[in-house]
Amino acid sequence: MKRIKMKRSAQLEIGFCVIIASLTFLGLTQGWYFSPQTCTEDSLRGLYFDSEEKIAEVQVGNKRIYLYTNQEQDKIAVMGAQRKGFVYEPFGGFINIVMNLDEAYDLQMVENDGIYIAVIV
């Protein structure tokens, strides 16, 4: 009897590990993100923008928008992530070539009837 319980316990543990491994594999291949910042940085890499530093961040409701600068410090990018259930998906995106290194940047987000506008100050 004790031997049967051990087998069932081991089978449950193996089954649980298989389910976790499958969900992890699906999450990585389907682009599931559990962090909004990871979501936006990965999306920027898809736009060939290598983010170096996060300059600003703003959150409204389930949406977050980030302002980044690149490695050469000559471009800025704005990218957002919104929460869908327990994962994040990217939205929006803007890359600008003009940047003045002597100025400080701030990010604000304005919402009007469900339309979100990112303003770089």
Protein backbone atom coordinates (compact mmCIF):
# COMPACT_ATOMS: atom_id res chain seq x y z
CA MET A 1 0.00 0.00 0.00
CA LYS A 2 2.79 2.40 0.89
CA ARG A 3 4.56 1.59 -2.36
CA ILE A 4 1.46 2.51 -4.40
CA LYS A 5 1.21 5.90 -2.66
CA MET A 6 4.85 6.60 -3.44
CA LYS A 7 4.29 5.80 -7.11
CA ARG A 8 1.25 8.07 -7.30
CA SER A 9 3.12 10.87 -5.57
CA ALA A 10 6.05 10.51 -7.98
CA GLN A 11 3.67 10.43 -10.95
CA LEU A 12 1.95 13.60 -9.75
CA GLU A 13 5.30 15.37 -9.34
CA ILE A 14 6.44 14.32 -12.81
CA GLY A 15 3.10 15.39 -14.30
CA PHE A 16 3.32 18.77 -12.57
CA CYS A 17 6.88 19.30 -13.87
CA VAL A 18 5.78 18.40 -17.42
CA ILE A 19 2.90 20.90 -17.24
CA ILE A 20 5.18 23.68 -15.93
CA ALA A 21 7.81 22.93 -18.61
CA SER A 22 5.13 22.94 -21.33
CA LEU A 23 3.68 26.26 -20.17
CA THR A 24 7.16 27.79 -19.98
CA PHE A 25 7.95 26.58 -23.52
CA LEU A 26 4.64 27.93 -24.85
CA GLY A 27 5.16 31.23 -23.06
CA LEU A 28 8.61 31.71 -24.56
CA THR A 29 7.57 30.75 -28.07
CA GLN A 30 4.28 32.66 -28.07
CA GLY A 31 5.73 35.88 -26.65
CA TRP A 32 4.10 35.79 -23.23
CA TYR A 33 5.65 38.36 -20.94
CA PHE A 34 5.21 38.51 -17.19
CA SER A 35 7.05 41.84 -16.86
CA PRO A 36 6.00 45.03 -18.70
CA GLN A 37 9.58 46.25 -18.98
CA THR A 38 10.78 42.96 -20.51
CA CYS A 39 7.86 43.13 -22.93
CA THR A 40 8.76 46.62 -24.14
CA GLU A 41 12.50 45.98 -24.35
CA ASP A 42 11.96 42.83 -26.41
CA SER A 43 9.59 44.70 -28.72
CA LEU A 44 12.16 47.46 -29.22
CA ARG A 45 14.79 44.86 -30.14
CA GLY A 46 12.33 43.68 -32.80
CA LEU A 47 12.39 47.24 -34.17
CA TYR A 48 16.24 47.14 -34.21
CA PHE A 49 16.48 49.53 -31.27
CA ASP A 50 19.03 48.42 -28.67
CA SER A 51 17.80 50.05 -25.49
CA GLU A 52 20.52 51.12 -23.12
CA GLU A 53 18.79 53.13 -20.42
CA LYS A 54 15.23 53.60 -19.26
CA ILE A 55 14.77 57.36 -18.91
CA ALA A 56 11.17 57.56 -17.72
CA GLU A 57 8.12 55.41 -17.00
CA VAL A 58 4.46 56.24 -16.54
CA GLN A 59 1.48 54.04 -15.66
CA VAL A 60 -2.22 54.59 -16.22
CA GLY A 61 -4.54 51.73 -15.31
CA ASN A 62 -3.22 48.49 -16.80
CA LYS A 63 -0.96 50.30 -19.31
CA ARG A 64 2.68 51.31 -18.84
CA ILE A 65 4.71 53.43 -21.21
CA TYR A 66 8.50 53.63 -21.12
CA LEU A 67 10.97 56.13 -22.59
CA TYR A 68 14.35 54.68 -23.55
CA THR A 69 17.61 55.90 -25.01
CA ASN A 70 19.85 53.72 -27.16
CA GLN A 71 23.50 52.74 -26.71
CA GLU A 72 24.84 55.54 -28.91
CA GLN A 73 22.72 58.09 -26.98
CA ASP A 74 21.42 59.59 -30.25
CA LYS A 75 17.90 58.12 -30.35
CA ILE A 76 14.93 57.87 -28.04
CA ALA A 77 12.07 55.41 -28.17
CA VAL A 78 8.63 55.22 -26.56
CA MET A 79 7.02 51.81 -26.16
CA GLY A 80 4.10 50.60 -24.10
CA ALA A 81 2.90 47.37 -22.52
CA GLN A 82 -0.60 46.56 -21.37
CA ARG A 83 -1.74 43.84 -19.03
CA LYS A 84 -3.92 41.11 -20.55
CA GLY A 85 -4.86 38.69 -17.80
CA PHE A 86 -1.59 37.74 -16.10
CA VAL A 87 0.68 38.53 -19.08
CA TYR A 88 1.70 41.73 -20.87
CA GLU A 89 1.56 42.56 -24.56
CA PRO A 90 3.24 45.48 -26.34
CA PHE A 91 1.38 48.42 -27.85
CA GLY A 92 2.36 51.58 -29.66
CA GLY A 93 5.92 52.50 -30.33
CA PHE A 94 7.91 55.44 -31.58
CA ILE A 95 11.59 55.96 -32.34
CA ASN A 96 13.05 59.42 -32.84
CA ILE A 97 16.52 60.15 -34.20
CA VAL A 98 16.75 63.70 -32.83
CA MET A 99 18.02 63.91 -29.27
CA ASN A 100 19.74 66.64 -27.32
CA LEU A 101 21.98 65.14 -24.64
CA ASP A 102 22.05 68.36 -22.63
CA GLU A 103 18.32 68.28 -21.91
CA ALA A 104 16.43 66.17 -19.40
CA TYR A 105 13.42 64.22 -20.62
CA ASP A 106 10.21 63.35 -18.86
CA LEU A 107 7.30 61.22 -19.98
CA GLN A 108 3.63 61.89 -19.38
CA MET A 109 0.61 59.97 -20.55
CA VAL A 110 -2.73 61.57 -21.34
CA GLU A 111 -5.95 59.59 -21.75
CA ASN A 112 -8.94 60.89 -23.67
CA ASP A 113 -11.93 58.57 -24.23
CA GLY A 114 -9.77 55.46 -24.13
CA ILE A 115 -7.07 56.92 -26.42
CA TYR A 116 -3.67 57.18 -24.74
CA ILE A 117 -1.14 59.76 -25.86
CA ALA A 118 2.48 59.74 -24.67
CA VAL A 119 4.00 63.19 -24.32
CA ILE A 120 7.76 63.68 -24.06
CA VAL A 121 8.59 66.84 -22.15
